[in-house]
Amino acid sequence: MVVSKTELFDEVFQVRANLFKALAHPARLQILDFLAKTKTCISGDISEELPLSRTTVNQHLKELKDAGLIHGHVSGVKMNYCLDLNKIEEMKKILGDFLDEMQLLENIQCK
């Protein structure tokens, strides 16, 4: 059995890395921001909101769906995209915990 290098790390770090990877592109951040600001599910073409092709936007939507940050539901011939509010709250906790752990390093002096 082949083990990926990612699997050598603690599960907590793997979860964080997968989530942070989903956030690691400005298009995905803009999609999340757009959905949050509209405060509703969006029907239709989100690519009208971004300076990218529809195909590229769809790839970013897939990354966000795979991370669980949004869901897409078919409605007739259109897709409705919504934030997964539970996952967004989980993300806030994961990021907050990570940043709190990093604050511990403030007291360490490099020599």
PDB file of N, CA and C in Angstrom:
ATOM      1  N   MET A   1       0.838  -1.185   0.000  1.00  0.00           N
ATOM      2  CA  MET A   1       0.000   0.000   0.000  1.00  0.00           C
ATOM      3  C   MET A   1       0.886   1.252   0.000  1.00  0.00           C
ATOM      4  N   VAL A   2       0.578   2.172  -0.897  1.00  0.00           N
ATOM      5  CA  VAL A   2       1.318   3.421  -1.004  1.00  0.00           C
ATOM      6  C   VAL A   2       0.648   4.467  -0.113  1.00  0.00           C
ATOM      7  N   VAL A   3       1.451   5.119   0.709  1.00  0.00           N
ATOM      8  CA  VAL A   3       0.947   6.166   1.601  1.00  0.00           C
ATOM      9  C   VAL A   3       1.418   7.507   1.056  1.00  0.00           C
ATOM     10  N   SER A   4       0.467   8.433   0.906  1.00  0.00           N
ATOM     11  CA  SER A   4       0.873   9.764   0.444  1.00  0.00           C
ATOM     12  C   SER A   4       1.553  10.505   1.587  1.00  0.00           C
ATOM     13  N   LYS A   5       2.378  11.457   1.244  1.00  0.00           N
ATOM     14  CA  LYS A   5       3.078  12.223   2.278  1.00  0.00           C
ATOM     15  C   LYS A   5       2.093  12.985   3.160  1.00  0.00           C
ATOM     16  N   THR A   6       0.970  13.383   2.596  1.00  0.00           N
ATOM     17  CA  THR A   6      -0.055  14.085   3.381  1.00  0.00           C
ATOM     18  C   THR A   6      -0.557  13.205   4.525  1.00  0.00           C
ATOM     19  N   GLU A   7      -0.696  11.920   4.260  1.00  0.00           N
ATOM     20  CA  GLU A   7      -1.213  10.997   5.266  1.00  0.00           C
ATOM     21  C   GLU A   7      -0.251  10.796   6.433  1.00  0.00           C
ATOM     22  N   LEU A   8       0.977  11.246   6.306  1.00  0.00           N
ATOM     23  CA  LEU A   8       1.942  11.124   7.392  1.00  0.00           C
ATOM     24  C   LEU A   8       1.676  12.135   8.508  1.00  0.00           C
ATOM     25  N   PHE A   9       0.825  13.124   8.229  1.00  0.00           N
ATOM     26  CA  PHE A   9       0.538  14.173   9.196  1.00  0.00           C
ATOM     27  C   PHE A   9      -0.726  13.863   9.979  1.00  0.00           C
ATOM     28  N   ASP A  10      -0.801  14.438  11.156  1.00  0.00           N
ATOM     29  CA  ASP A  10      -1.956  14.296  12.030  1.00  0.00           C
ATOM     30  C   ASP A  10      -3.224  14.706  11.281  1.00  0.00           C
ATOM     31  N   GLU A  11      -4.325  14.045  11.571  1.00  0.00           N
ATOM     32  CA  GLU A  11      -5.590  14.308  10.885  1.00  0.00           C
ATOM     33  C   GLU A  11      -6.036  15.768  11.036  1.00  0.00           C
ATOM     34  N   VAL A  12      -5.770  16.365  12.182  1.00  0.00           N
ATOM     35  CA  VAL A  12      -6.140  17.771  12.409  1.00  0.00           C
ATOM     36  C   VAL A  12      -5.467  18.658  11.366  1.00  0.00           C
ATOM     37  N   PHE A  13      -4.195  18.415  11.104  1.00  0.00           N
ATOM     38  CA  PHE A  13      -3.467  19.206  10.119  1.00  0.00           C
ATOM     39  C   PHE A  13      -3.957  18.913   8.706  1.00  0.00           C
ATOM     40  N   GLN A  14      -4.344  17.689   8.427  1.00  0.00           N
ATOM     41  CA  GLN A  14      -4.881  17.350   7.117  1.00  0.00           C
ATOM     42  C   GLN A  14      -6.196  18.081   6.868  1.00  0.00           C
ATOM     43  N   VAL A  15      -7.070  18.111   7.881  1.00  0.00           N
ATOM     44  CA  VAL A  15      -8.353  18.811   7.753  1.00  0.00           C
ATOM     45  C   VAL A  15      -8.108  20.297   7.524  1.00  0.00           C
ATOM     46  N   ARG A  16      -7.223  20.872   8.313  1.00  0.00           N
ATOM     47  CA  ARG A  16      -6.907  22.300   8.161  1.00  0.00           C
ATOM     48  C   ARG A  16      -6.358  22.585   6.764  1.00  0.00           C
ATOM     49  N   ALA A  17      -5.428  21.766   6.313  1.00  0.00           N
ATOM     50  CA  ALA A  17      -4.797  21.987   5.013  1.00  0.00           C
ATOM     51  C   ALA A  17      -5.825  21.914   3.884  1.00  0.00           C
ATOM     52  N   ASN A  18      -6.734  20.955   3.952  1.00  0.00           N
ATOM     53  CA  ASN A  18      -7.760  20.837   2.918  1.00  0.00           C
ATOM     54  C   ASN A  18      -8.666  22.063   2.904  1.00  0.00           C
ATOM     55  N   LEU A  19      -9.022  22.539   4.077  1.00  0.00           N
ATOM     56  CA  LEU A  19      -9.862  23.729   4.164  1.00  0.00           C
ATOM     57  C   LEU A  19      -9.113  24.953   3.666  1.00  0.00           C
ATOM     58  N   PHE A  20      -7.887  25.137   4.129  1.00  0.00           N
ATOM     59  CA  PHE A  20      -7.106  26.302   3.724  1.00  0.00           C
ATOM     60  C   PHE A  20      -6.825  26.272   2.223  1.00  0.00           C
ATOM     61  N   LYS A  21      -6.651  25.072   1.676  1.00  0.00           N
ATOM     62  CA  LYS A  21      -6.434  24.947   0.226  1.00  0.00           C
ATOM     63  C   LYS A  21      -7.651  25.466  -0.538  1.00  0.00           C
ATOM     64  N   ALA A  22      -8.833  25.166  -0.028  1.00  0.00           N
ATOM     65  CA  ALA A  22     -10.056  25.642  -0.678  1.00  0.00           C
ATOM     66  C   ALA A  22     -10.153  27.162  -0.638  1.00  0.00           C
ATOM     67  N   LEU A  23      -9.520  27.777   0.350  1.00  0.00           N
ATOM     68  CA  LEU A  23      -9.556  29.234   0.487  1.00  0.00           C
ATOM     69  C   LEU A  23      -8.396  29.919  -0.228  1.00  0.00           C
ATOM     70  N   ALA A  24      -7.502  29.144  -0.817  1.00  0.00           N
ATOM     71  CA  ALA A  24      -6.234  29.670  -1.310  1.00  0.00           C
ATOM     72  C   ALA A  24      -6.280  30.208  -2.738  1.00  0.00           C
ATOM     73  N   HIS A  25      -7.417  30.721  -3.136  1.00  0.00           N
ATOM     74  CA  HIS A  25      -7.493  31.350  -4.456  1.00  0.00           C
ATOM     75  C   HIS A  25      -8.465  32.527  -4.373  1.00  0.00           C
ATOM     76  N   PRO A  26      -8.091  33.675  -4.949  1.00  0.00           N
ATOM     77  CA  PRO A  26      -8.966  34.849  -4.853  1.00  0.00           C
ATOM     78  C   PRO A  26     -10.355  34.628  -5.449  1.00  0.00           C
ATOM     79  N   ALA A  27     -10.455  33.812  -6.487  1.00  0.00           N
ATOM     80  CA  ALA A  27     -11.777  33.560  -7.082  1.00  0.00           C
ATOM     81  C   ALA A  27     -12.686  32.856  -6.086  1.00  0.00           C
ATOM     82  N   ARG A  28     -12.144  31.893  -5.354  1.00  0.00           N
ATOM     83  CA  ARG A  28     -12.965  31.160  -4.385  1.00  0.00           C
ATOM     84  C   ARG A  28     -13.354  32.071  -3.230  1.00  0.00           C
ATOM     85  N   LEU A  29     -12.426  32.931  -2.817  1.00  0.00           N
ATOM     86  CA  LEU A  29     -12.764  33.894  -1.762  1.00  0.00           C
ATOM     87  C   LEU A  29     -13.855  34.845  -2.236  1.00  0.00           C
ATOM     88  N   GLN A  30     -13.773  35.276  -3.482  1.00  0.00           N
ATOM     89  CA  GLN A  30     -14.784  36.187  -4.008  1.00  0.00           C
ATOM     90  C   GLN A  30     -16.140  35.492  -4.129  1.00  0.00           C
ATOM     91  N   ILE A  31     -16.149  34.236  -4.505  1.00  0.00           N
ATOM     92  CA  ILE A  31     -17.409  33.481  -4.573  1.00  0.00           C
ATOM     93  C   ILE A  31     -18.040  33.401  -3.189  1.00  0.00           C
ATOM     94  N   LEU A  32     -17.237  33.040  -2.185  1.00  0.00           N
ATOM     95  CA  LEU A  32     -17.769  32.967  -0.815  1.00  0.00           C
ATOM     96  C   LEU A  32     -18.279  34.322  -0.357  1.00  0.00           C
ATOM     97  N   ASP A  33     -17.523  35.373  -0.645  1.00  0.00           N
ATOM     98  CA  ASP A  33     -17.924  36.725  -0.271  1.00  0.00           C
ATOM     99  C   ASP A  33     -19.233  37.108  -0.957  1.00  0.00           C
ATOM    100  N   PHE A  34     -19.349  36.806  -2.234  1.00  0.00           N
ATOM    101  CA  PHE A  34     -20.558  37.116  -2.994  1.00  0.00           C
ATOM    102  C   PHE A  34     -21.772  36.399  -2.398  1.00  0.00           C
ATOM    103  N   LEU A  35     -21.616  35.113  -2.121  1.00  0.00           N
ATOM    104  CA  LEU A  35     -22.737  34.361  -1.546  1.00  0.00           C
ATOM    105  C   LEU A  35     -23.116  34.891  -0.167  1.00  0.00           C
ATOM    106  N   ALA A  36     -22.118  35.267   0.623  1.00  0.00           N
ATOM    107  CA  ALA A  36     -22.384  35.800   1.959  1.00  0.00           C
ATOM    108  C   ALA A  36     -23.100  37.153   1.879  1.00  0.00           C
ATOM    109  N   LYS A  37     -22.663  37.997   0.972  1.00  0.00           N
ATOM    110  CA  LYS A  37     -23.261  39.339   0.857  1.00  0.00           C
ATOM    111  C   LYS A  37     -24.674  39.309   0.293  1.00  0.00           C
ATOM    112  N   THR A  38     -24.965  38.339  -0.564  1.00  0.00           N
ATOM    113  CA  THR A  38     -26.309  38.269  -1.138  1.00  0.00           C
ATOM    114  C   THR A  38     -27.305  37.701  -0.140  1.00  0.00           C
ATOM    115  N   LYS A  39     -26.791  37.005   0.880  1.00  0.00           N
ATOM    116  CA  LYS A  39     -27.614  36.442   1.965  1.00  0.00           C
ATOM    117  C   LYS A  39     -28.738  35.545   1.456  1.00  0.00           C
ATOM    118  N   THR A  40     -28.488  34.902   0.325  1.00  0.00           N
ATOM    119  CA  THR A  40     -29.465  33.975  -0.221  1.00  0.00           C
ATOM    120  C   THR A  40     -28.737  33.015  -1.154  1.00  0.00           C
ATOM    121  N   CYS A  41     -29.435  31.980  -1.558  1.00  0.00           N
ATOM    122  CA  CYS A  41     -28.875  31.080  -2.558  1.00  0.00           C
ATOM    123  C   CYS A  41     -28.957  31.768  -3.916  1.00  0.00           C
ATOM    124  N   ILE A  42     -27.984  31.515  -4.739  1.00  0.00           N
ATOM    125  CA  ILE A  42     -27.905  32.161  -6.045  1.00  0.00           C
ATOM    126  C   ILE A  42     -28.274  31.162  -7.127  1.00  0.00           C
ATOM    127  N   SER A  43     -29.231  31.547  -7.945  1.00  0.00           N
ATOM    128  CA  SER A  43     -29.601  30.754  -9.108  1.00  0.00           C
ATOM    129  C   SER A  43     -28.875  31.303 -10.312  1.00  0.00           C
ATOM    130  N   GLY A  44     -28.371  30.417 -11.116  1.00  0.00           N
ATOM    131  CA  GLY A  44     -27.813  30.881 -12.362  1.00  0.00           C
ATOM    132  C   GLY A  44     -26.312  30.975 -12.367  1.00  0.00           C
ATOM    133  N   ASP A  45     -25.839  31.933 -13.115  1.00  0.00           N
ATOM    134  CA  ASP A  45     -24.442  31.990 -13.493  1.00  0.00           C
ATOM    135  C   ASP A  45     -23.643  32.937 -12.602  1.00  0.00           C
ATOM    136  N   ILE A  46     -22.866  32.377 -11.684  1.00  0.00           N
ATOM    137  CA  ILE A  46     -22.016  33.178 -10.805  1.00  0.00           C
ATOM    138  C   ILE A  46     -20.850  33.765 -11.598  1.00  0.00           C
ATOM    139  N   SER A  47     -20.546  33.195 -12.759  1.00  0.00           N
ATOM    140  CA  SER A  47     -19.397  33.682 -13.538  1.00  0.00           C
ATOM    141  C   SER A  47     -19.601  35.128 -13.985  1.00  0.00           C
ATOM    142  N   GLU A  48     -20.839  35.617 -13.982  1.00  0.00           N
ATOM    143  CA  GLU A  48     -21.091  37.021 -14.322  1.00  0.00           C
ATOM    144  C   GLU A  48     -20.499  37.954 -13.268  1.00  0.00           C
ATOM    145  N   GLU A  49     -20.228  37.430 -12.085  1.00  0.00           N
ATOM    146  CA  GLU A  49     -19.693  38.222 -10.979  1.00  0.00           C
ATOM    147  C   GLU A  49     -18.165  38.206 -10.918  1.00  0.00           C
ATOM    148  N   LEU A  50     -17.544  37.378 -11.748  1.00  0.00           N
ATOM    149  CA  LEU A  50     -16.094  37.205 -11.697  1.00  0.00           C
ATOM    150  C   LEU A  50     -15.468  37.451 -13.067  1.00  0.00           C
ATOM    151  N   PRO A  51     -14.218  37.886 -13.089  1.00  0.00           N
ATOM    152  CA  PRO A  51     -13.549  38.125 -14.374  1.00  0.00           C
ATOM    153  C   PRO A  51     -12.928  36.856 -14.951  1.00  0.00           C
ATOM    154  N   LEU A  52     -13.674  35.759 -14.892  1.00  0.00           N
ATOM    155  CA  LEU A  52     -13.178  34.458 -15.352  1.00  0.00           C
ATOM    156  C   LEU A  52     -14.224  33.803 -16.235  1.00  0.00           C
ATOM    157  N   SER A  53     -13.795  32.832 -17.008  1.00  0.00           N
ATOM    158  CA  SER A  53     -14.739  32.103 -17.855  1.00  0.00           C
ATOM    159  C   SER A  53     -15.652  31.226 -16.990  1.00  0.00           C
ATOM    160  N   ARG A  54     -16.776  30.872 -17.565  1.00  0.00           N
ATOM    161  CA  ARG A  54     -17.741  30.020 -16.863  1.00  0.00           C
ATOM    162  C   ARG A  54     -17.094  28.694 -16.468  1.00  0.00           C
ATOM    163  N   THR A  55     -16.280  28.129 -17.359  1.00  0.00           N
ATOM    164  CA  THR A  55     -15.618  26.853 -17.069  1.00  0.00           C
ATOM    165  C   THR A  55     -14.692  26.977 -15.870  1.00  0.00           C
ATOM    166  N   THR A  56     -13.923  28.056 -15.813  1.00  0.00           N
ATOM    167  CA  THR A  56     -13.004  28.272 -14.693  1.00  0.00           C
ATOM    168  C   THR A  56     -13.774  28.479 -13.397  1.00  0.00           C
ATOM    169  N   VAL A  57     -14.839  29.269 -13.448  1.00  0.00           N
ATOM    170  CA  VAL A  57     -15.664  29.486 -12.254  1.00  0.00           C
ATOM    171  C   VAL A  57     -16.247  28.159 -11.775  1.00  0.00           C
ATOM    172  N   ASN A  58     -16.694  27.334 -12.701  1.00  0.00           N
ATOM    173  CA  ASN A  58     -17.242  26.027 -12.318  1.00  0.00           C
ATOM    174  C   ASN A  58     -16.201  25.164 -11.615  1.00  0.00           C
ATOM    175  N   GLN A  59     -14.948  25.263 -12.038  1.00  0.00           N
ATOM    176  CA  GLN A  59     -13.880  24.514 -11.366  1.00  0.00           C
ATOM    177  C   GLN A  59     -13.700  25.013  -9.936  1.00  0.00           C
ATOM    178  N   HIS A  60     -13.782  26.328  -9.736  1.00  0.00           N
ATOM    179  CA  HIS A  60     -13.660  26.883  -8.390  1.00  0.00           C
ATOM    180  C   HIS A  60     -14.874  26.518  -7.533  1.00  0.00           C
ATOM    181  N   LEU A  61     -16.051  26.507  -8.131  1.00  0.00           N
ATOM    182  CA  LEU A  61     -17.248  26.084  -7.398  1.00  0.00           C
ATOM    183  C   LEU A  61     -17.112  24.630  -6.947  1.00  0.00           C
ATOM    184  N   LYS A  62     -16.546  23.803  -7.811  1.00  0.00           N
ATOM    185  CA  LYS A  62     -16.331  22.394  -7.452  1.00  0.00           C
ATOM    186  C   LYS A  62     -15.396  22.278  -6.256  1.00  0.00           C
ATOM    187  N   GLU A  63     -14.313  23.056  -6.238  1.00  0.00           N
ATOM    188  CA  GLU A  63     -13.381  23.034  -5.101  1.00  0.00           C
ATOM    189  C   GLU A  63     -14.098  23.426  -3.809  1.00  0.00           C
ATOM    190  N   LEU A  64     -14.932  24.451  -3.881  1.00  0.00           N
ATOM    191  CA  LEU A  64     -15.664  24.890  -2.695  1.00  0.00           C
ATOM    192  C   LEU A  64     -16.684  23.845  -2.258  1.00  0.00           C
ATOM    193  N   LYS A  65     -17.320  23.186  -3.231  1.00  0.00           N
ATOM    194  CA  LYS A  65     -18.266  22.111  -2.894  1.00  0.00           C
ATOM    195  C   LYS A  65     -17.526  20.934  -2.273  1.00  0.00           C
ATOM    196  N   ASP A  66     -16.394  20.559  -2.847  1.00  0.00           N
ATOM    197  CA  ASP A  66     -15.614  19.437  -2.315  1.00  0.00           C
ATOM    198  C   ASP A  66     -15.163  19.707  -0.881  1.00  0.00           C
ATOM    199  N   ALA A  67     -14.892  20.965  -0.567  1.00  0.00           N
ATOM    200  CA  ALA A  67     -14.492  21.337   0.798  1.00  0.00           C
ATOM    201  C   ALA A  67     -15.699  21.439   1.721  1.00  0.00           C
ATOM    202  N   GLY A  68     -16.895  21.377   1.147  1.00  0.00           N
ATOM    203  CA  GLY A  68     -18.113  21.446   1.954  1.00  0.00           C
ATOM    204  C   GLY A  68     -18.551  22.859   2.301  1.00  0.00           C
ATOM    205  N   LEU A  69     -17.895  23.872   1.739  1.00  0.00           N
ATOM    206  CA  LEU A  69     -18.219  25.258   2.087  1.00  0.00           C
ATOM    207  C   LEU A  69     -19.479  25.767   1.395  1.00  0.00           C
ATOM    208  N   ILE A  70     -19.815  25.175   0.261  1.00  0.00           N
ATOM    209  CA  ILE A  70     -21.056  25.527  -0.434  1.00  0.00           C
ATOM    210  C   ILE A  70     -21.758  24.248  -0.859  1.00  0.00           C
ATOM    211  N   HIS A  71     -23.031  24.378  -1.191  1.00  0.00           N
ATOM    212  CA  HIS A  71     -23.695  23.281  -1.863  1.00  0.00           C
ATOM    213  C   HIS A  71     -24.395  23.815  -3.085  1.00  0.00           C
ATOM    214  N   GLY A  72     -24.564  22.937  -4.028  1.00  0.00           N
ATOM    215  CA  GLY A  72     -25.272  23.275  -5.257  1.00  0.00           C
ATOM    216  C   GLY A  72     -26.454  22.339  -5.409  1.00  0.00           C
ATOM    217  N   HIS A  73     -27.608  22.923  -5.721  1.00  0.00           N
ATOM    218  CA  HIS A  73     -28.831  22.141  -5.916  1.00  0.00           C
ATOM    219  C   HIS A  73     -29.404  22.492  -7.279  1.00  0.00           C
ATOM    220  N   VAL A  74     -29.761  21.467  -8.035  1.00  0.00           N
ATOM    221  CA  VAL A  74     -30.356  21.683  -9.345  1.00  0.00           C
ATOM    222  C   VAL A  74     -31.783  22.176  -9.144  1.00  0.00           C
ATOM    223  N   SER A  75     -32.105  23.249  -9.860  1.00  0.00           N
ATOM    224  CA  SER A  75     -33.461  23.812  -9.842  1.00  0.00           C
ATOM    225  C   SER A  75     -33.862  24.057 -11.289  1.00  0.00           C
ATOM    226  N   GLY A  76     -34.579  23.106 -11.858  1.00  0.00           N
ATOM    227  CA  GLY A  76     -34.923  23.196 -13.276  1.00  0.00           C
ATOM    228  C   GLY A  76     -33.671  23.044 -14.111  1.00  0.00           C
ATOM    229  N   VAL A  77     -33.384  24.056 -14.929  1.00  0.00           N
ATOM    230  CA  VAL A  77     -32.185  24.013 -15.766  1.00  0.00           C
ATOM    231  C   VAL A  77     -31.029  24.790 -15.133  1.00  0.00           C
ATOM    232  N   LYS A  78     -31.248  25.371 -13.963  1.00  0.00           N
ATOM    233  CA  LYS A  78     -30.222  26.166 -13.289  1.00  0.00           C
ATOM    234  C   LYS A  78     -29.748  25.477 -12.028  1.00  0.00           C
ATOM    235  N   MET A  79     -28.623  25.950 -11.546  1.00  0.00           N
ATOM    236  CA  MET A  79     -28.060  25.438 -10.310  1.00  0.00           C
ATOM    237  C   MET A  79     -28.186  26.539  -9.258  1.00  0.00           C
ATOM    238  N   ASN A  80     -28.613  26.175  -8.062  1.00  0.00           N
ATOM    239  CA  ASN A  80     -28.646  27.101  -6.935  1.00  0.00           C
ATOM    240  C   ASN A  80     -27.424  26.828  -6.076  1.00  0.00           C
ATOM    241  N   TYR A  81     -26.661  27.877  -5.773  1.00  0.00           N
ATOM    242  CA  TYR A  81     -25.483  27.748  -4.921  1.00  0.00           C
ATOM    243  C   TYR A  81     -25.749  28.464  -3.600  1.00  0.00           C
ATOM    244  N   CYS A  82     -25.422  27.775  -2.502  1.00  0.00           N
ATOM    245  CA  CYS A  82     -25.635  28.318  -1.163  1.00  0.00           C
ATOM    246  C   CYS A  82     -24.408  28.047  -0.305  1.00  0.00           C
ATOM    247  N   LEU A  83     -24.163  28.943   0.634  1.00  0.00           N
ATOM    248  CA  LEU A  83     -23.148  28.668   1.647  1.00  0.00           C
ATOM    249  C   LEU A  83     -23.659  27.552   2.546  1.00  0.00           C
ATOM    250  N   ASP A  84     -22.780  26.701   2.989  1.00  0.00           N
ATOM    251  CA  ASP A  84     -23.124  25.730   4.029  1.00  0.00           C
ATOM    252  C   ASP A  84     -22.767  26.400   5.353  1.00  0.00           C
ATOM    253  N   LEU A  85     -23.772  26.966   6.006  1.00  0.00           N
ATOM    254  CA  LEU A  85     -23.529  27.773   7.202  1.00  0.00           C
ATOM    255  C   LEU A  85     -22.886  26.974   8.329  1.00  0.00           C
ATOM    256  N   ASN A  86     -23.220  25.705   8.457  1.00  0.00           N
ATOM    257  CA  ASN A  86     -22.581  24.871   9.479  1.00  0.00           C
ATOM    258  C   ASN A  86     -21.090  24.715   9.198  1.00  0.00           C
ATOM    259  N   LYS A  87     -20.749  24.492   7.934  1.00  0.00           N
ATOM    260  CA  LYS A  87     -19.338  24.336   7.570  1.00  0.00           C
ATOM    261  C   LYS A  87     -18.593  25.665   7.704  1.00  0.00           C
ATOM    262  N   ILE A  88     -19.272  26.780   7.415  1.00  0.00           N
ATOM    263  CA  ILE A  88     -18.644  28.093   7.581  1.00  0.00           C
ATOM    264  C   ILE A  88     -18.334  28.327   9.058  1.00  0.00           C
ATOM    265  N   GLU A  89     -19.243  27.966   9.941  1.00  0.00           N
ATOM    266  CA  GLU A  89     -18.993  28.101  11.386  1.00  0.00           C
ATOM    267  C   GLU A  89     -17.841  27.198  11.820  1.00  0.00           C
ATOM    268  N   GLU A  90     -17.810  25.985  11.276  1.00  0.00           N
ATOM    269  CA  GLU A  90     -16.708  25.061  11.574  1.00  0.00           C
ATOM    270  C   GLU A  90     -15.383  25.655  11.086  1.00  0.00           C
ATOM    271  N   MET A  91     -15.406  26.260   9.901  1.00  0.00           N
ATOM    272  CA  MET A  91     -14.205  26.876   9.355  1.00  0.00           C
ATOM    273  C   MET A  91     -13.732  28.015  10.262  1.00  0.00           C
ATOM    274  N   LYS A  92     -14.656  28.817  10.754  1.00  0.00           N
ATOM    275  CA  LYS A  92     -14.284  29.914  11.647  1.00  0.00           C
ATOM    276  C   LYS A  92     -13.601  29.378  12.899  1.00  0.00           C
ATOM    277  N   LYS A  93     -14.113  28.274  13.440  1.00  0.00           N
ATOM    278  CA  LYS A  93     -13.518  27.689  14.631  1.00  0.00           C
ATOM    279  C   LYS A  93     -12.126  27.128  14.323  1.00  0.00           C
ATOM    280  N   ILE A  94     -12.006  26.403  13.210  1.00  0.00           N
ATOM    281  CA  ILE A  94     -10.722  25.818  12.826  1.00  0.00           C
ATOM    282  C   ILE A  94      -9.683  26.913  12.623  1.00  0.00           C
ATOM    283  N   LEU A  95     -10.054  27.970  11.919  1.00  0.00           N
ATOM    284  CA  LEU A  95      -9.118  29.065  11.671  1.00  0.00           C
ATOM    285  C   LEU A  95      -8.779  29.794  12.969  1.00  0.00           C
ATOM    286  N   GLY A  96      -9.797  30.027  13.810  1.00  0.00           N
ATOM    287  CA  GLY A  96      -9.558  30.684  15.099  1.00  0.00           C
ATOM    288  C   GLY A  96      -8.626  29.877  15.985  1.00  0.00           C
ATOM    289  N   ASP A  97      -8.867  28.574  16.058  1.00  0.00           N
ATOM    290  CA  ASP A  97      -8.000  27.703  16.857  1.00  0.00           C
ATOM    291  C   ASP A  97      -6.562  27.735  16.338  1.00  0.00           C
ATOM    292  N   PHE A  98      -6.422  27.684  15.016  1.00  0.00           N
ATOM    293  CA  PHE A  98      -5.087  27.707  14.413  1.00  0.00           C
ATOM    294  C   PHE A  98      -4.373  29.015  14.743  1.00  0.00           C
ATOM    295  N   LEU A  99      -5.070  30.125  14.600  1.00  0.00           N
ATOM    296  CA  LEU A  99      -4.458  31.424  14.891  1.00  0.00           C
ATOM    297  C   LEU A  99      -4.140  31.573  16.377  1.00  0.00           C
ATOM    298  N   ASP A 100      -5.000  31.040  17.240  1.00  0.00           N
ATOM    299  CA  ASP A 100      -4.718  31.069  18.676  1.00  0.00           C
ATOM    300  C   ASP A 100      -3.442  30.296  18.989  1.00  0.00           C
ATOM    301  N   GLU A 101      -3.259  29.148  18.352  1.00  0.00           N
ATOM    302  CA  GLU A 101      -2.042  28.361  18.550  1.00  0.00           C
ATOM    303  C   GLU A 101      -0.817  29.134  18.070  1.00  0.00           C
ATOM    304  N   MET A 102      -0.966  29.870  16.986  1.00  0.00           N
ATOM    305  CA  MET A 102       0.152  30.636  16.445  1.00  0.00           C
ATOM    306  C   MET A 102       0.523  31.797  17.362  1.00  0.00           C
ATOM    307  N   GLN A 103      -0.433  32.341  18.113  1.00  0.00           N
ATOM    308  CA  GLN A 103      -0.143  33.440  19.037  1.00  0.00           C
ATOM    309  C   GLN A 103       0.811  32.992  20.131  1.00  0.00           C
ATOM    310  N   LEU A 104       0.797  31.721  20.440  1.00  0.00           N
ATOM    311  CA  LEU A 104       1.715  31.209  21.443  1.00  0.00           C
ATOM    312  C   LEU A 104       3.156  31.463  21.032  1.00  0.00           C
ATOM    313  N   LEU A 105       3.380  31.550  19.731  1.00  0.00           N
ATOM    314  CA  LEU A 105       4.735  31.738  19.223  1.00  0.00           C
ATOM    315  C   LEU A 105       5.236  33.171  19.400  1.00  0.00           C
ATOM    316  N   GLU A 106       4.340  34.100  19.747  1.00  0.00           N
ATOM    317  CA  GLU A 106       4.756  35.486  19.928  1.00  0.00           C
ATOM    318  C   GLU A 106       5.806  35.636  21.022  1.00  0.00           C
ATOM    319  N   ASN A 107       5.771  34.754  21.999  1.00  0.00           N
ATOM    320  CA  ASN A 107       6.685  34.855  23.136  1.00  0.00           C
ATOM    321  C   ASN A 107       8.027  34.207  22.865  1.00  0.00           C
ATOM    322  N   ILE A 108       8.178  33.555  21.737  1.00  0.00           N
ATOM    323  CA  ILE A 108       9.431  32.894  21.402  1.00  0.00           C
ATOM    324  C   ILE A 108      10.327  33.879  20.665  1.00  0.00           C
ATOM    325  N   GLN A 109      11.530  33.996  21.114  1.00  0.00           N
ATOM    326  CA  GLN A 109      12.488  34.902  20.491  1.00  0.00           C
ATOM    327  C   GLN A 109      13.435  34.115  19.592  1.00  0.00           C
ATOM    328  N   CYS A 110      13.584  34.562  18.363  1.00  0.00           N
ATOM    329  CA  CYS A 110      14.561  33.948  17.462  1.00  0.00           C
ATOM    330  C   CYS A 110      15.932  34.522  17.759  1.00  0.00           C
ATOM    331  N   LYS A 111      16.919  33.678  17.693  1.00  0.00           N
ATOM    332  CA  LYS A 111      18.292  34.131  17.982  1.00  0.00           C
ATOM    333  C   LYS A 111      19.134  34.082  16.761  1.00  0.00           C
TER     334      LYS A 111
END
